[in-house]
Amino acid sequence: MTRKRVDSNQPEIVKALRDVGATVQHLHTVGAGCPDILVGFRGRNYLMEIKTKDGHVNSRELEWYSSWSGQANVVRTQDEALYIIGALK
């Protein structure tokens, strides 16, 4: 199992999600292109890959996304994460 580094903006995004009542499970240690976090909010689940402003989705992540049949999102800011879960209009 490969340990993935945490992007510098991950703690602030996780905090913003938790501040609006979302639950967050860290998945970044799973590796193999799996998204960084699983978010639960208002009875729904959201997979999020966190990237910095200049960060890029790598080949393992692209492979994971292409084989995944559900939703998954790339987020770079707190506002993007909150918008995806419907906590920000």
C-alpha atoms as a PDB file:
ATOM      1  CA  MET A   1       0.000   0.000   0.000  1.00  0.00           C
ATOM      2  CA  THR A   2       1.393   3.363  -1.025  1.00  0.00           C
ATOM      3  CA  ARG A   3       0.958   6.224   1.407  1.00  0.00           C
ATOM      4  CA  LYS A   4      -0.207   9.306  -0.445  1.00  0.00           C
ATOM      5  CA  ARG A   5       0.814  12.755   0.705  1.00  0.00           C
ATOM      6  CA  VAL A   6      -1.861  15.135   1.904  1.00  0.00           C
ATOM      7  CA  ASP A   7      -2.300  18.333  -0.114  1.00  0.00           C
ATOM      8  CA  SER A   8      -1.654  21.477   1.912  1.00  0.00           C
ATOM      9  CA  ASN A   9      -5.267  22.639   1.590  1.00  0.00           C
ATOM     10  CA  GLN A  10      -6.821  19.360   2.783  1.00  0.00           C
ATOM     11  CA  PRO A  11      -7.079  20.310   6.494  1.00  0.00           C
ATOM     12  CA  GLU A  12      -8.901  23.591   5.749  1.00  0.00           C
ATOM     13  CA  ILE A  13     -11.315  21.888   3.323  1.00  0.00           C
ATOM     14  CA  VAL A  14     -12.053  19.105   5.839  1.00  0.00           C
ATOM     15  CA  LYS A  15     -12.630  21.701   8.581  1.00  0.00           C
ATOM     16  CA  ALA A  16     -15.052  23.689   6.401  1.00  0.00           C
ATOM     17  CA  LEU A  17     -17.016  20.528   5.613  1.00  0.00           C
ATOM     18  CA  ARG A  18     -17.182  19.522   9.277  1.00  0.00           C
ATOM     19  CA  ASP A  19     -18.169  23.062  10.289  1.00  0.00           C
ATOM     20  CA  VAL A  20     -21.403  22.726   8.257  1.00  0.00           C
ATOM     21  CA  GLY A  21     -22.183  19.336   9.818  1.00  0.00           C
ATOM     22  CA  ALA A  22     -20.687  16.964   7.260  1.00  0.00           C
ATOM     23  CA  THR A  23     -18.836  13.853   8.334  1.00  0.00           C
ATOM     24  CA  VAL A  24     -15.481  13.196   6.697  1.00  0.00           C
ATOM     25  CA  GLN A  25     -13.584   9.918   6.360  1.00  0.00           C
ATOM     26  CA  HIS A  26     -10.003  10.201   5.158  1.00  0.00           C
ATOM     27  CA  LEU A  27      -9.199   7.844   2.287  1.00  0.00           C
ATOM     28  CA  HIS A  28      -5.873   9.291   1.124  1.00  0.00           C
ATOM     29  CA  THR A  29      -3.983   6.350   2.650  1.00  0.00           C
ATOM     30  CA  VAL A  30      -5.821   3.846   0.421  1.00  0.00           C
ATOM     31  CA  GLY A  31      -3.714   4.846  -2.575  1.00  0.00           C
ATOM     32  CA  ALA A  32      -4.202   3.299  -6.035  1.00  0.00           C
ATOM     33  CA  GLY A  33      -5.862   6.516  -7.258  1.00  0.00           C
ATOM     34  CA  CYS A  34      -8.697   6.420  -4.701  1.00  0.00           C
ATOM     35  CA  PRO A  35     -10.042   9.911  -3.846  1.00  0.00           C
ATOM     36  CA  ASP A  36      -8.783  11.658  -0.700  1.00  0.00           C
ATOM     37  CA  ILE A  37     -11.992  11.888   1.326  1.00  0.00           C
ATOM     38  CA  LEU A  38     -15.471  10.451   1.667  1.00  0.00           C
ATOM     39  CA  VAL A  39     -18.005  13.046   2.808  1.00  0.00           C
ATOM     40  CA  GLY A  40     -21.437  12.359   4.256  1.00  0.00           C
ATOM     41  CA  PHE A  41     -23.988  15.182   4.295  1.00  0.00           C
ATOM     42  CA  ARG A  42     -27.774  15.147   4.565  1.00  0.00           C
ATOM     43  CA  GLY A  43     -27.997  11.421   3.833  1.00  0.00           C
ATOM     44  CA  ARG A  44     -25.731  11.483   0.772  1.00  0.00           C
ATOM     45  CA  ASN A  45     -22.134  10.456   0.171  1.00  0.00           C
ATOM     46  CA  TYR A  46     -19.547  12.344  -1.870  1.00  0.00           C
ATOM     47  CA  LEU A  47     -16.068  11.272  -2.955  1.00  0.00           C
ATOM     48  CA  MET A  48     -13.597  14.123  -3.271  1.00  0.00           C
ATOM     49  CA  GLU A  49     -10.076  14.320  -4.596  1.00  0.00           C
ATOM     50  CA  ILE A  50      -8.383  17.374  -3.099  1.00  0.00           C
ATOM     51  CA  LYS A  51      -5.895  19.277  -5.230  1.00  0.00           C
ATOM     52  CA  THR A  52      -4.073  22.519  -4.654  1.00  0.00           C
ATOM     53  CA  LYS A  53      -4.612  25.451  -7.018  1.00  0.00           C
ATOM     54  CA  ASP A  54      -1.908  24.173  -9.376  1.00  0.00           C
ATOM     55  CA  GLY A  55      -2.246  20.443  -8.628  1.00  0.00           C
ATOM     56  CA  HIS A  56      -3.049  17.928 -11.352  1.00  0.00           C
ATOM     57  CA  VAL A  57      -4.841  14.604 -11.348  1.00  0.00           C
ATOM     58  CA  ASN A  58      -2.168  11.932 -11.833  1.00  0.00           C
ATOM     59  CA  SER A  59      -2.312   8.809 -14.006  1.00  0.00           C
ATOM     60  CA  ARG A  60      -3.382   6.487 -11.155  1.00  0.00           C
ATOM     61  CA  GLU A  61      -6.201   8.859 -10.235  1.00  0.00           C
ATOM     62  CA  LEU A  62      -7.314   9.127 -13.877  1.00  0.00           C
ATOM     63  CA  GLU A  63      -7.352   5.328 -14.094  1.00  0.00           C
ATOM     64  CA  TRP A  64      -9.421   5.081 -10.895  1.00  0.00           C
ATOM     65  CA  TYR A  65     -11.923   7.693 -12.134  1.00  0.00           C
ATOM     66  CA  SER A  66     -12.298   5.976 -15.520  1.00  0.00           C
ATOM     67  CA  SER A  67     -13.183   2.661 -13.853  1.00  0.00           C
ATOM     68  CA  TRP A  68     -15.504   4.111 -11.161  1.00  0.00           C
ATOM     69  CA  SER A  69     -19.238   3.957 -11.956  1.00  0.00           C
ATOM     70  CA  GLY A  70     -20.286   6.483  -9.315  1.00  0.00           C
ATOM     71  CA  GLN A  71     -19.657  10.162  -8.756  1.00  0.00           C
ATOM     72  CA  ALA A  72     -16.348  11.636  -7.654  1.00  0.00           C
ATOM     73  CA  ASN A  73     -15.187  15.249  -7.720  1.00  0.00           C
ATOM     74  CA  VAL A  74     -11.922  17.160  -7.744  1.00  0.00           C
ATOM     75  CA  VAL A  75     -11.976  20.125  -5.356  1.00  0.00           C
ATOM     76  CA  ARG A  76      -9.409  22.867  -4.845  1.00  0.00           C
ATOM     77  CA  THR A  77     -11.147  25.172  -2.372  1.00  0.00           C
ATOM     78  CA  GLN A  78     -13.480  25.130   0.602  1.00  0.00           C
ATOM     79  CA  ASP A  79     -16.185  26.805  -1.470  1.00  0.00           C
ATOM     80  CA  GLU A  80     -15.984  24.132  -4.192  1.00  0.00           C
ATOM     81  CA  ALA A  81     -16.359  21.365  -1.591  1.00  0.00           C
ATOM     82  CA  LEU A  82     -19.278  23.112   0.114  1.00  0.00           C
ATOM     83  CA  TYR A  83     -20.973  23.772  -3.235  1.00  0.00           C
ATOM     84  CA  ILE A  84     -20.732  20.104  -4.232  1.00  0.00           C
ATOM     85  CA  ILE A  85     -22.507  18.953  -1.078  1.00  0.00           C
ATOM     86  CA  GLY A  86     -25.150  21.680  -1.391  1.00  0.00           C
ATOM     87  CA  ALA A  87     -24.083  23.705   1.651  1.00  0.00           C
ATOM     88  CA  LEU A  88     -23.175  26.722  -0.497  1.00  0.00           C
ATOM     89  CA  LYS A  89     -25.277  28.157  -3.288  1.00  0.00           C
END
